[in-house]
PDB file of N, CA and C in Angstrom:
ATOM      1  N   VAL A   1       0.842  -1.173   0.000  1.00  0.00           N
ATOM      2  CA  VAL A   1       0.000   0.000   0.000  1.00  0.00           C
ATOM      3  C   VAL A   1       0.889   1.239   0.000  1.00  0.00           C
ATOM      4  N   ARG A   2       0.627   2.123  -0.929  1.00  0.00           N
ATOM      5  CA  ARG A   2       1.386   3.374  -1.008  1.00  0.00           C
ATOM      6  C   ARG A   2       0.606   4.477  -0.306  1.00  0.00           C
ATOM      7  N   VAL A   3       1.318   5.291   0.434  1.00  0.00           N
ATOM      8  CA  VAL A   3       0.682   6.360   1.197  1.00  0.00           C
ATOM      9  C   VAL A   3       1.079   7.725   0.640  1.00  0.00           C
ATOM     10  N   ARG A   4       0.195   8.673   0.822  1.00  0.00           N
ATOM     11  CA  ARG A   4       0.469  10.070   0.422  1.00  0.00           C
ATOM     12  C   ARG A   4       1.210  10.740   1.563  1.00  0.00           C
ATOM     13  N   VAL A   5       2.327  11.364   1.259  1.00  0.00           N
ATOM     14  CA  VAL A   5       3.142  12.046   2.258  1.00  0.00           C
ATOM     15  C   VAL A   5       3.203  13.522   1.897  1.00  0.00           C
ATOM     16  N   ASP A   6       2.982  14.392   2.882  1.00  0.00           N
ATOM     17  CA  ASP A   6       3.043  15.824   2.651  1.00  0.00           C
ATOM     18  C   ASP A   6       4.504  16.231   2.434  1.00  0.00           C
ATOM     19  N   PRO A   7       4.851  16.750   1.248  1.00  0.00           N
ATOM     20  CA  PRO A   7       6.246  17.096   0.962  1.00  0.00           C
ATOM     21  C   PRO A   7       6.795  18.215   1.841  1.00  0.00           C
ATOM     22  N   GLY A   8       5.961  19.181   2.214  1.00  0.00           N
ATOM     23  CA  GLY A   8       6.423  20.261   3.087  1.00  0.00           C
ATOM     24  C   GLY A   8       6.839  19.737   4.448  1.00  0.00           C
ATOM     25  N   ARG A   9       6.011  18.871   5.012  1.00  0.00           N
ATOM     26  CA  ARG A   9       6.343  18.287   6.316  1.00  0.00           C
ATOM     27  C   ARG A   9       7.568  17.381   6.210  1.00  0.00           C
ATOM     28  N   ALA A  10       7.668  16.653   5.094  1.00  0.00           N
ATOM     29  CA  ALA A  10       8.827  15.781   4.895  1.00  0.00           C
ATOM     30  C   ALA A  10      10.105  16.616   4.776  1.00  0.00           C
ATOM     31  N   ALA A  11      10.033  17.733   4.052  1.00  0.00           N
ATOM     32  CA  ALA A  11      11.203  18.606   3.906  1.00  0.00           C
ATOM     33  C   ALA A  11      11.640  19.155   5.257  1.00  0.00           C
ATOM     34  N   VAL A  12      10.673  19.535   6.091  1.00  0.00           N
ATOM     35  CA  VAL A  12      10.996  20.027   7.431  1.00  0.00           C
ATOM     36  C   VAL A  12      11.658  18.923   8.244  1.00  0.00           C
ATOM     37  N   ALA A  13      11.095  17.710   8.193  1.00  0.00           N
ATOM     38  CA  ALA A  13      11.654  16.593   8.953  1.00  0.00           C
ATOM     39  C   ALA A  13      13.066  16.248   8.478  1.00  0.00           C
ATOM     40  N   LEU A  14      13.280  16.243   7.173  1.00  0.00           N
ATOM     41  CA  LEU A  14      14.616  15.964   6.637  1.00  0.00           C
ATOM     42  C   LEU A  14      15.611  17.043   7.060  1.00  0.00           C
ATOM     43  N   THR A  15      15.180  18.293   7.016  1.00  0.00           N
ATOM     44  CA  THR A  15      16.050  19.396   7.434  1.00  0.00           C
ATOM     45  C   THR A  15      16.436  19.248   8.895  1.00  0.00           C
ATOM     46  N   ARG A  16      15.462  18.948   9.739  1.00  0.00           N
ATOM     47  CA  ARG A  16      15.741  18.782  11.175  1.00  0.00           C
ATOM     48  C   ARG A  16      16.682  17.617  11.430  1.00  0.00           C
ATOM     49  N   ALA A  17      16.471  16.515  10.722  1.00  0.00           N
ATOM     50  CA  ALA A  17      17.343  15.353  10.901  1.00  0.00           C
ATOM     51  C   ALA A  17      18.773  15.688  10.478  1.00  0.00           C
ATOM     52  N   TYR A  18      18.899  16.320   9.306  1.00  0.00           N
ATOM     53  CA  TYR A  18      20.230  16.631   8.779  1.00  0.00           C
ATOM     54  C   TYR A  18      20.934  17.671   9.638  1.00  0.00           C
ATOM     55  N   GLU A  19      20.222  18.729  10.000  1.00  0.00           N
ATOM     56  CA  GLU A  19      20.835  19.766  10.832  1.00  0.00           C
ATOM     57  C   GLU A  19      21.043  19.281  12.264  1.00  0.00           C
ATOM     58  N   GLY A  20      20.324  18.234  12.654  1.00  0.00           N
ATOM     59  CA  GLY A  20      20.470  17.668  13.988  1.00  0.00           C
ATOM     60  C   GLY A  20      21.654  16.730  14.125  1.00  0.00           C
ATOM     61  N   GLY A  21      22.383  16.534  13.035  1.00  0.00           N
ATOM     62  CA  GLY A  21      23.597  15.737  13.119  1.00  0.00           C
ATOM     63  C   GLY A  21      23.539  14.373  12.452  1.00  0.00           C
ATOM     64  N   GLU A  22      22.394  14.016  11.868  1.00  0.00           N
ATOM     65  CA  GLU A  22      22.335  12.732  11.163  1.00  0.00           C
ATOM     66  C   GLU A  22      23.267  12.787   9.957  1.00  0.00           C
ATOM     67  N   LYS A  23      23.898  11.666   9.665  1.00  0.00           N
ATOM     68  CA  LYS A  23      24.828  11.608   8.534  1.00  0.00           C
ATOM     69  C   LYS A  23      24.071  11.670   7.206  1.00  0.00           C
ATOM     70  N   TYR A  24      24.700  12.327   6.243  1.00  0.00           N
ATOM     71  CA  TYR A  24      24.136  12.488   4.895  1.00  0.00           C
ATOM     72  C   TYR A  24      23.700  11.132   4.346  1.00  0.00           C
ATOM     73  N   ALA A  25      24.583  10.144   4.391  1.00  0.00           N
ATOM     74  CA  ALA A  25      24.285   8.824   3.828  1.00  0.00           C
ATOM     75  C   ALA A  25      23.124   8.158   4.559  1.00  0.00           C
ATOM     76  N   ASP A  26      23.010   8.371   5.851  1.00  0.00           N
ATOM     77  CA  ASP A  26      21.909   7.780   6.614  1.00  0.00           C
ATOM     78  C   ASP A  26      20.574   8.404   6.231  1.00  0.00           C
ATOM     79  N   VAL A  27      20.549   9.729   6.064  1.00  0.00           N
ATOM     80  CA  VAL A  27      19.313  10.404   5.669  1.00  0.00           C
ATOM     81  C   VAL A  27      18.931   9.967   4.258  1.00  0.00           C
ATOM     82  N   ARG A  28      19.893   9.915   3.359  1.00  0.00           N
ATOM     83  CA  ARG A  28      19.613   9.476   1.986  1.00  0.00           C
ATOM     84  C   ARG A  28      19.102   8.042   1.982  1.00  0.00           C
ATOM     85  N   GLY A  29      19.727   7.181   2.766  1.00  0.00           N
ATOM     86  CA  GLY A  29      19.289   5.789   2.856  1.00  0.00           C
ATOM     87  C   GLY A  29      17.867   5.665   3.363  1.00  0.00           C
ATOM     88  N   ALA A  30      17.506   6.508   4.328  1.00  0.00           N
ATOM     89  CA  ALA A  30      16.140   6.496   4.855  1.00  0.00           C
ATOM     90  C   ALA A  30      15.145   6.915   3.778  1.00  0.00           C
ATOM     91  N   VAL A  31      15.505   7.930   2.999  1.00  0.00           N
ATOM     92  CA  VAL A  31      14.620   8.387   1.923  1.00  0.00           C
ATOM     93  C   VAL A  31      14.453   7.282   0.888  1.00  0.00           C
ATOM     94  N   VAL A  32      15.556   6.669   0.470  1.00  0.00           N
ATOM     95  CA  VAL A  32      15.502   5.603  -0.540  1.00  0.00           C
ATOM     96  C   VAL A  32      14.634   4.447  -0.047  1.00  0.00           C
ATOM     97  N   SER A  33      14.790   4.068   1.214  1.00  0.00           N
ATOM     98  CA  SER A  33      14.026   2.929   1.729  1.00  0.00           C
ATOM     99  C   SER A  33      12.535   3.238   1.849  1.00  0.00           C
ATOM    100  N   CYS A  34      12.175   4.502   2.001  1.00  0.00           N
ATOM    101  CA  CYS A  34      10.760   4.885   2.122  1.00  0.00           C
ATOM    102  C   CYS A  34      10.075   5.081   0.773  1.00  0.00           C
ATOM    103  N   LEU A  35      10.820   5.425  -0.259  1.00  0.00           N
ATOM    104  CA  LEU A  35      10.203   5.766  -1.549  1.00  0.00           C
ATOM    105  C   LEU A  35       9.271   4.688  -2.103  1.00  0.00           C
ATOM    106  N   PRO A  36       9.587   3.404  -1.990  1.00  0.00           N
ATOM    107  CA  PRO A  36       8.659   2.407  -2.539  1.00  0.00           C
ATOM    108  C   PRO A  36       7.278   2.414  -1.875  1.00  0.00           C
ATOM    109  N   ARG A  37       7.167   3.003  -0.694  1.00  0.00           N
ATOM    110  CA  ARG A  37       5.888   3.044   0.018  1.00  0.00           C
ATOM    111  C   ARG A  37       5.149   4.372  -0.161  1.00  0.00           C
ATOM    112  N   VAL A  38       5.754   5.309  -0.887  1.00  0.00           N
ATOM    113  CA  VAL A  38       5.160   6.636  -1.076  1.00  0.00           C
ATOM    114  C   VAL A  38       4.407   6.677  -2.401  1.00  0.00           C
ATOM    115  N   LYS A  39       3.178   7.188  -2.345  1.00  0.00           N
ATOM    116  CA  LYS A  39       2.381   7.342  -3.562  1.00  0.00           C
ATOM    117  C   LYS A  39       3.013   8.417  -4.436  1.00  0.00           C
ATOM    118  N   ASP A  40       3.145   8.132  -5.727  1.00  0.00           N
ATOM    119  CA  ASP A  40       3.758   9.064  -6.680  1.00  0.00           C
ATOM    120  C   ASP A  40       5.117   9.544  -6.164  1.00  0.00           C
ATOM    121  N   ALA A  41       5.993   8.583  -5.887  1.00  0.00           N
ATOM    122  CA  ALA A  41       7.268   8.866  -5.230  1.00  0.00           C
ATOM    123  C   ALA A  41       8.132   9.880  -5.974  1.00  0.00           C
ATOM    124  N   ALA A  42       8.214   9.775  -7.285  1.00  0.00           N
ATOM    125  CA  ALA A  42       9.054  10.712  -8.038  1.00  0.00           C
ATOM    126  C   ALA A  42       8.530  12.138  -7.900  1.00  0.00           C
ATOM    127  N   ASN A  43       7.218  12.298  -8.000  1.00  0.00           N
ATOM    128  CA  ASN A  43       6.636  13.628  -7.816  1.00  0.00           C
ATOM    129  C   ASN A  43       6.838  14.113  -6.386  1.00  0.00           C
ATOM    130  N   PHE A  44       6.740  13.202  -5.422  1.00  0.00           N
ATOM    131  CA  PHE A  44       6.976  13.554  -4.023  1.00  0.00           C
ATOM    132  C   PHE A  44       8.381  14.128  -3.846  1.00  0.00           C
ATOM    133  N   VAL A  45       9.385  13.473  -4.426  1.00  0.00           N
ATOM    134  CA  VAL A  45      10.764  13.958  -4.309  1.00  0.00           C
ATOM    135  C   VAL A  45      10.881  15.342  -4.932  1.00  0.00           C
ATOM    136  N   LEU A  46      10.303  15.525  -6.109  1.00  0.00           N
ATOM    137  CA  LEU A  46      10.377  16.830  -6.772  1.00  0.00           C
ATOM    138  C   LEU A  46       9.661  17.906  -5.970  1.00  0.00           C
ATOM    139  N   GLU A  47       8.537  17.564  -5.339  1.00  0.00           N
ATOM    140  CA  GLU A  47       7.835  18.525  -4.493  1.00  0.00           C
ATOM    141  C   GLU A  47       8.673  18.892  -3.270  1.00  0.00           C
ATOM    142  N   CYS A  48       9.383  17.921  -2.703  1.00  0.00           N
ATOM    143  CA  CYS A  48      10.283  18.209  -1.578  1.00  0.00           C
ATOM    144  C   CYS A  48      11.393  19.157  -2.021  1.00  0.00           C
ATOM    145  N   VAL A  49      11.953  18.915  -3.201  1.00  0.00           N
ATOM    146  CA  VAL A  49      13.000  19.790  -3.740  1.00  0.00           C
ATOM    147  C   VAL A  49      12.448  21.200  -3.901  1.00  0.00           C
ATOM    148  N   GLU A  50      11.243  21.319  -4.435  1.00  0.00           N
ATOM    149  CA  GLU A  50      10.639  22.640  -4.603  1.00  0.00           C
ATOM    150  C   GLU A  50      10.435  23.324  -3.249  1.00  0.00           C
ATOM    151  N   CYS A  51      10.013  22.570  -2.246  1.00  0.00           N
ATOM    152  CA  CYS A  51       9.833  23.148  -0.906  1.00  0.00           C
ATOM    153  C   CYS A  51      11.150  23.677  -0.358  1.00  0.00           C
ATOM    154  N   LEU A  52      12.210  22.925  -0.537  1.00  0.00           N
ATOM    155  CA  LEU A  52      13.513  23.337  -0.020  1.00  0.00           C
ATOM    156  C   LEU A  52      14.100  24.511  -0.797  1.00  0.00           C
ATOM    157  N   ALA A  53      13.717  24.629  -2.063  1.00  0.00           N
ATOM    158  CA  ALA A  53      14.276  25.682  -2.908  1.00  0.00           C
ATOM    159  C   ALA A  53      13.444  26.962  -2.905  1.00  0.00           C
ATOM    160  N   SER A  54      12.267  26.936  -2.276  1.00  0.00           N
ATOM    161  CA  SER A  54      11.360  28.086  -2.272  1.00  0.00           C
ATOM    162  C   SER A  54      11.329  28.747  -0.906  1.00  0.00           C
ATOM    163  N   PRO A  55      11.009  30.033  -0.877  1.00  0.00           N
ATOM    164  CA  PRO A  55      10.893  30.720   0.408  1.00  0.00           C
ATOM    165  C   PRO A  55       9.757  30.128   1.243  1.00  0.00           C
ATOM    166  N   PRO A  56       9.893  30.134   2.574  1.00  0.00           N
ATOM    167  CA  PRO A  56       8.812  29.632   3.423  1.00  0.00           C
ATOM    168  C   PRO A  56       7.545  30.484   3.256  1.00  0.00           C
ATOM    169  N   SER A  57       6.398  29.834   3.377  1.00  0.00           N
ATOM    170  CA  SER A  57       5.105  30.525   3.299  1.00  0.00           C
ATOM    171  C   SER A  57       4.102  29.729   4.116  1.00  0.00           C
ATOM    172  N   SER A  58       2.862  30.165   4.085  1.00  0.00           N
ATOM    173  CA  SER A  58       1.843  29.432   4.834  1.00  0.00           C
ATOM    174  C   SER A  58       1.607  28.042   4.252  1.00  0.00           C
ATOM    175  N   THR A  59       1.842  27.864   2.956  1.00  0.00           N
ATOM    176  CA  THR A  59       1.670  26.546   2.336  1.00  0.00           C
ATOM    177  C   THR A  59       2.965  25.769   2.260  1.00  0.00           C
ATOM    178  N   ASN A  60       4.103  26.426   2.493  1.00  0.00           N
ATOM    179  CA  ASN A  60       5.405  25.775   2.449  1.00  0.00           C
ATOM    180  C   ASN A  60       6.153  26.095   3.737  1.00  0.00           C
ATOM    181  N   PRO A  61       6.066  25.210   4.734  1.00  0.00           N
ATOM    182  CA  PRO A  61       6.719  25.480   6.006  1.00  0.00           C
ATOM    183  C   PRO A  61       8.211  25.167   6.015  1.00  0.00           C
ATOM    184  N   ALA A  62       8.742  24.626   4.926  1.00  0.00           N
ATOM    185  CA  ALA A  62      10.149  24.221   4.906  1.00  0.00           C
ATOM    186  C   ALA A  62      11.059  25.432   5.055  1.00  0.00           C
ATOM    187  N   PRO A  63      12.112  25.301   5.848  1.00  0.00           N
ATOM    188  CA  PRO A  63      13.045  26.417   6.040  1.00  0.00           C
ATOM    189  C   PRO A  63      13.990  26.549   4.857  1.00  0.00           C
ATOM    190  N   ALA A  64      13.529  27.191   3.812  1.00  0.00           N
ATOM    191  CA  ALA A  64      14.328  27.346   2.595  1.00  0.00           C
ATOM    192  C   ALA A  64      15.546  28.210   2.853  1.00  0.00           C
ATOM    193  N   ALA A  65      16.520  28.056   1.999  1.00  0.00           N
ATOM    194  CA  ALA A  65      17.747  28.841   2.033  1.00  0.00           C
ATOM    195  C   ALA A  65      18.529  28.638   3.327  1.00  0.00           C
ATOM    196  N   SER A  66      18.267  27.547   4.020  1.00  0.00           N
ATOM    197  CA  SER A  66      19.083  27.245   5.193  1.00  0.00           C
ATOM    198  C   SER A  66      20.390  26.640   4.701  1.00  0.00           C
ATOM    199  N   SER A  67      21.323  26.493   5.606  1.00  0.00           N
ATOM    200  CA  SER A  67      22.619  25.944   5.221  1.00  0.00           C
ATOM    201  C   SER A  67      22.498  24.513   4.726  1.00  0.00           C
ATOM    202  N   SER A  68      21.400  23.845   5.064  1.00  0.00           N
ATOM    203  CA  SER A  68      21.243  22.451   4.645  1.00  0.00           C
ATOM    204  C   SER A  68      20.416  22.286   3.371  1.00  0.00           C
ATOM    205  N   SER A  69      19.872  23.353   2.809  1.00  0.00           N
ATOM    206  CA  SER A  69      19.004  23.218   1.641  1.00  0.00           C
ATOM    207  C   SER A  69      19.709  22.582   0.455  1.00  0.00           C
ATOM    208  N   VAL A  70      20.872  23.061   0.107  1.00  0.00           N
ATOM    209  CA  VAL A  70      21.571  22.543  -1.076  1.00  0.00           C
ATOM    210  C   VAL A  70      21.953  21.081  -0.900  1.00  0.00           C
ATOM    211  N   PRO A  71      22.584  20.687   0.227  1.00  0.00           N
ATOM    212  CA  PRO A  71      22.897  19.267   0.361  1.00  0.00           C
ATOM    213  C   PRO A  71      21.640  18.393   0.410  1.00  0.00           C
ATOM    214  N   LEU A  72      20.561  18.894   1.004  1.00  0.00           N
ATOM    215  CA  LEU A  72      19.335  18.100   1.055  1.00  0.00           C
ATOM    216  C   LEU A  72      18.703  17.960  -0.322  1.00  0.00           C
ATOM    217  N   ILE A  73      18.772  18.999  -1.131  1.00  0.00           N
ATOM    218  CA  ILE A  73      18.260  18.901  -2.500  1.00  0.00           C
ATOM    219  C   ILE A  73      19.069  17.854  -3.262  1.00  0.00           C
ATOM    220  N   GLN A  74      20.382  17.891  -3.119  1.00  0.00           N
ATOM    221  CA  GLN A  74      21.220  16.887  -3.785  1.00  0.00           C
ATOM    222  C   GLN A  74      20.898  15.497  -3.248  1.00  0.00           C
ATOM    223  N   LEU A  75      20.735  15.376  -1.942  1.00  0.00           N
ATOM    224  CA  LEU A  75      20.410  14.107  -1.310  1.00  0.00           C
ATOM    225  C   LEU A  75      19.119  13.537  -1.890  1.00  0.00           C
ATOM    226  N   LEU A  76      18.088  14.374  -2.015  1.00  0.00           N
ATOM    227  CA  LEU A  76      16.810  13.918  -2.560  1.00  0.00           C
ATOM    228  C   LEU A  76      16.942  13.474  -4.010  1.00  0.00           C
ATOM    229  N   LEU A  77      17.698  14.223  -4.805  1.00  0.00           N
ATOM    230  CA  LEU A  77      17.877  13.846  -6.205  1.00  0.00           C
ATOM    231  C   LEU A  77      18.696  12.570  -6.334  1.00  0.00           C
ATOM    232  N   GLU A  78      19.672  12.380  -5.450  1.00  0.00           N
ATOM    233  CA  GLU A  78      20.419  11.123  -5.434  1.00  0.00           C
ATOM    234  C   GLU A  78      19.500   9.966  -5.063  1.00  0.00           C
ATOM    235  N   ALA A  79      18.637  10.188  -4.066  1.00  0.00           N
ATOM    236  CA  ALA A  79      17.689   9.146  -3.657  1.00  0.00           C
ATOM    237  C   ALA A  79      16.754   8.794  -4.815  1.00  0.00           C
ATOM    238  N   LEU A  80      16.306   9.814  -5.541  1.00  0.00           N
ATOM    239  CA  LEU A  80      15.431   9.588  -6.688  1.00  0.00           C
ATOM    240  C   LEU A  80      16.111   8.718  -7.736  1.00  0.00           C
ATOM    241  N   SER A  81      17.413   8.880  -7.907  1.00  0.00           N
ATOM    242  CA  SER A  81      18.136   8.152  -8.959  1.00  0.00           C
ATOM    243  C   SER A  81      18.496   6.718  -8.585  1.00  0.00           C
ATOM    244  N   GLN A  82      18.209   6.315  -7.353  1.00  0.00           N
ATOM    245  CA  GLN A  82      18.547   4.961  -6.911  1.00  0.00           C
ATOM    246  C   GLN A  82      17.474   3.967  -7.350  1.00  0.00           C
ATOM    247  N   PRO A  83      17.853   2.890  -8.028  1.00  0.00           N
ATOM    248  CA  PRO A  83      16.857   1.898  -8.474  1.00  0.00           C
ATOM    249  C   PRO A  83      16.040   1.305  -7.322  1.00  0.00           C
ATOM    250  N   GLN A  84      16.612   1.228  -6.123  1.00  0.00           N
ATOM    251  CA  GLN A  84      15.897   0.655  -4.982  1.00  0.00           C
ATOM    252  C   GLN A  84      14.653   1.472  -4.634  1.00  0.00           C
ATOM    253  N   GLY A  85      14.638   2.753  -4.994  1.00  0.00           N
ATOM    254  CA  GLY A  85      13.499   3.607  -4.700  1.00  0.00           C
ATOM    255  C   GLY A  85      12.298   3.341  -5.594  1.00  0.00           C
ATOM    256  N   GLY A  86      12.508   2.607  -6.677  1.00  0.00           N
ATOM    257  CA  GLY A  86      11.420   2.236  -7.566  1.00  0.00           C
ATOM    258  C   GLY A  86      10.948   3.334  -8.504  1.00  0.00           C
ATOM    259  N   CYS A  87      11.723   4.400  -8.642  1.00  0.00           N
ATOM    260  CA  CYS A  87      11.298   5.529  -9.486  1.00  0.00           C
ATOM    261  C   CYS A  87      12.031   5.588 -10.818  1.00  0.00           C
ATOM    262  N   VAL A  88      13.084   4.814 -10.959  1.00  0.00           N
ATOM    263  CA  VAL A  88      13.915   4.914 -12.157  1.00  0.00           C
ATOM    264  C   VAL A  88      14.219   3.537 -12.734  1.00  0.00           C
ATOM    265  N   VAL A  89      14.594   3.550 -13.984  1.00  0.00           N
ATOM    266  CA  VAL A  89      15.074   2.345 -14.663  1.00  0.00           C
ATOM    267  C   VAL A  89      16.413   2.686 -15.299  1.00  0.00           C
ATOM    268  N   PRO A  90      17.255   1.671 -15.509  1.00  0.00           N
ATOM    269  CA  PRO A  90      18.524   1.951 -16.191  1.00  0.00           C
ATOM    270  C   PRO A  90      18.275   2.529 -17.586  1.00  0.00           C
ATOM    271  N   ALA A  91      19.147   3.440 -17.978  1.00  0.00           N
ATOM    272  CA  ALA A  91      19.030   4.067 -19.302  1.00  0.00           C
ATOM    273  C   ALA A  91      20.379   3.980 -19.996  1.00  0.00           C
ATOM    274  N   PRO A  92      20.364   3.869 -21.302  1.00  0.00           N
ATOM    275  CA  PRO A  92      21.642   3.817 -22.028  1.00  0.00           C
ATOM    276  C   PRO A  92      22.383   5.146 -21.904  1.00  0.00           C
ATOM    277  N   ARG A  93      23.682   5.065 -21.802  1.00  0.00           N
ATOM    278  CA  ARG A  93      24.503   6.264 -21.719  1.00  0.00           C
ATOM    279  C   ARG A  93      25.232   6.428 -23.058  1.00  0.00           C
ATOM    280  N   PRO A  94      25.186   7.630 -23.631  1.00  0.00           N
ATOM    281  CA  PRO A  94      25.880   7.866 -24.900  1.00  0.00           C
ATOM    282  C   PRO A  94      27.377   7.580 -24.773  1.00  0.00           C
ATOM    283  N   VAL A  95      27.957   7.166 -25.848  1.00  0.00           N
ATOM    284  CA  VAL A  95      29.380   6.844 -25.873  1.00  0.00           C
ATOM    285  C   VAL A  95      30.216   8.043 -25.445  1.00  0.00           C
ATOM    286  N   PHE A  96      29.786   9.236 -25.765  1.00  0.00           N
ATOM    287  CA  PHE A  96      30.553  10.448 -25.482  1.00  0.00           C
ATOM    288  C   PHE A  96      30.239  11.040 -24.098  1.00  0.00           C
ATOM    289  N   ALA A  97      29.551  10.321 -23.252  1.00  0.00           N
ATOM    290  CA  ALA A  97      29.171  10.842 -21.938  1.00  0.00           C
ATOM    291  C   ALA A  97      30.407  11.201 -21.118  1.00  0.00           C
ATOM    292  N   ALA A  98      30.260  12.216 -20.277  1.00  0.00           N
ATOM    293  CA  ALA A  98      31.384  12.720 -19.482  1.00  0.00           C
ATOM    294  C   ALA A  98      31.679  11.868 -18.259  1.00  0.00           C
ATOM    295  N   THR A  99      30.853  10.901 -17.963  1.00  0.00           N
ATOM    296  CA  THR A  99      31.061  10.056 -16.795  1.00  0.00           C
ATOM    297  C   THR A  99      30.831   8.597 -17.163  1.00  0.00           C
ATOM    298  N   ASP A 100      31.437   7.727 -16.392  1.00  0.00           N
ATOM    299  CA  ASP A 100      31.250   6.302 -16.627  1.00  0.00           C
ATOM    300  C   ASP A 100      30.143   5.730 -15.756  1.00  0.00           C
ATOM    301  N   GLY A 101      29.561   6.558 -14.879  1.00  0.00           N
ATOM    302  CA  GLY A 101      28.531   6.077 -13.965  1.00  0.00           C
ATOM    303  C   GLY A 101      27.292   5.594 -14.700  1.00  0.00           C
ATOM    304  N   ALA A 102      26.530   4.757 -14.024  1.00  0.00           N
ATOM    305  CA  ALA A 102      25.295   4.242 -14.601  1.00  0.00           C
ATOM    306  C   ALA A 102      24.288   5.373 -14.745  1.00  0.00           C
ATOM    307  N   ALA A 103      23.555   5.343 -15.811  1.00  0.00           N
ATOM    308  CA  ALA A 103      22.519   6.345 -16.047  1.00  0.00           C
ATOM    309  C   ALA A 103      21.167   5.737 -15.716  1.00  0.00           C
ATOM    310  N   THR A 104      20.255   6.587 -15.250  1.00  0.00           N
ATOM    311  CA  THR A 104      18.896   6.141 -14.973  1.00  0.00           C
ATOM    312  C   THR A 104      17.918   7.139 -15.560  1.00  0.00           C
ATOM    313  N   GLU A 105      16.677   6.709 -15.693  1.00  0.00           N
ATOM    314  CA  GLU A 105      15.626   7.567 -16.214  1.00  0.00           C
ATOM    315  C   GLU A 105      14.404   7.420 -15.314  1.00  0.00           C
ATOM    316  N   VAL A 106      13.797   8.525 -14.949  1.00  0.00           N
ATOM    317  CA  VAL A 106      12.586   8.497 -14.137  1.00  0.00           C
ATOM    318  C   VAL A 106      11.479   7.843 -14.953  1.00  0.00           C
ATOM    319  N   THR A 107      10.791   6.867 -14.353  1.00  0.00           N
ATOM    320  CA  THR A 107       9.778   6.115 -15.085  1.00  0.00           C
ATOM    321  C   THR A 107       8.453   6.845 -15.221  1.00  0.00           C
ATOM    322  N   ASP A 108       8.119   7.720 -14.299  1.00  0.00           N
ATOM    323  CA  ASP A 108       6.849   8.450 -14.333  1.00  0.00           C
ATOM    324  C   ASP A 108       6.970   9.611 -15.320  1.00  0.00           C
ATOM    325  N   PRO A 109       6.207   9.595 -16.416  1.00  0.00           N
ATOM    326  CA  PRO A 109       6.348  10.653 -17.423  1.00  0.00           C
ATOM    327  C   PRO A 109       5.972  12.043 -16.896  1.00  0.00           C
ATOM    328  N   VAL A 110       5.021  12.108 -15.974  1.00  0.00           N
ATOM    329  CA  VAL A 110       4.633  13.406 -15.404  1.00  0.00           C
ATOM    330  C   VAL A 110       5.784  13.964 -14.566  1.00  0.00           C
ATOM    331  N   ALA A 111       6.397  13.118 -13.749  1.00  0.00           N
ATOM    332  CA  ALA A 111       7.526  13.552 -12.923  1.00  0.00           C
ATOM    333  C   ALA A 111       8.717  13.920 -13.806  1.00  0.00           C
ATOM    334  N   ARG A 112       8.929  13.151 -14.871  1.00  0.00           N
ATOM    335  CA  ARG A 112      10.045  13.445 -15.788  1.00  0.00           C
ATOM    336  C   ARG A 112       9.844  14.817 -16.427  1.00  0.00           C
ATOM    337  N   ALA A 113       8.619  15.129 -16.855  1.00  0.00           N
ATOM    338  CA  ALA A 113       8.324  16.433 -17.460  1.00  0.00           C
ATOM    339  C   ALA A 113       8.483  17.544 -16.420  1.00  0.00           C
ATOM    340  N   ARG A 114       8.034  17.275 -15.213  1.00  0.00           N
ATOM    341  CA  ARG A 114       8.157  18.270 -14.125  1.00  0.00           C
ATOM    342  C   ARG A 114       9.617  18.571 -13.831  1.00  0.00           C
ATOM    343  N   ALA A 115      10.435  17.519 -13.795  1.00  0.00           N
ATOM    344  CA  ALA A 115      11.871  17.709 -13.553  1.00  0.00           C
ATOM    345  C   ALA A 115      12.504  18.514 -14.677  1.00  0.00           C
ATOM    346  N   ALA A 116      12.090  18.251 -15.896  1.00  0.00           N
ATOM    347  CA  ALA A 116      12.631  19.004 -17.038  1.00  0.00           C
ATOM    348  C   ALA A 116      12.260  20.479 -16.938  1.00  0.00           C
ATOM    349  N   GLU A 117      11.037  20.761 -16.463  1.00  0.00           N
ATOM    350  CA  GLU A 117      10.622  22.159 -16.280  1.00  0.00           C
ATOM    351  C   GLU A 117      11.457  22.846 -15.197  1.00  0.00           C
ATOM    352  N   MET A 118      11.796  22.102 -14.149  1.00  0.00           N
ATOM    353  CA  MET A 118      12.595  22.677 -13.071  1.00  0.00           C
ATOM    354  C   MET A 118      13.965  23.088 -13.575  1.00  0.00           C
ATOM    355  N   LEU A 119      14.521  22.285 -14.479  1.00  0.00           N
ATOM    356  CA  LEU A 119      15.849  22.596 -14.995  1.00  0.00           C
ATOM    357  C   LEU A 119      15.768  23.730 -15.974  1.00  0.00           C
TER     358      LEU A 119
END
């Protein structure tokens, strides 16, 4: 059963955990392990990124522009790219690619389009 998780509250919780001294890898691991149980997980991650990247408001309680925003945004995007999270599939990498790392592609077309708009 997949559950709906409020991205603003999740962003606040992740910020508190990270700023409270939890290790980057531990927080990322927790996110990856939870993603298979989250409804629309790829969109959830992107909504969390938007919360962390936007100024706080009545609809977005996340403490944006804190010292942990950038690492947490990277952490969330890394979690999204992990196959264990169930949001991506392996993708072919062009021969001329700048890295030898494995490439992945977000499987949800709506989330993929949303991510493209963010960039």
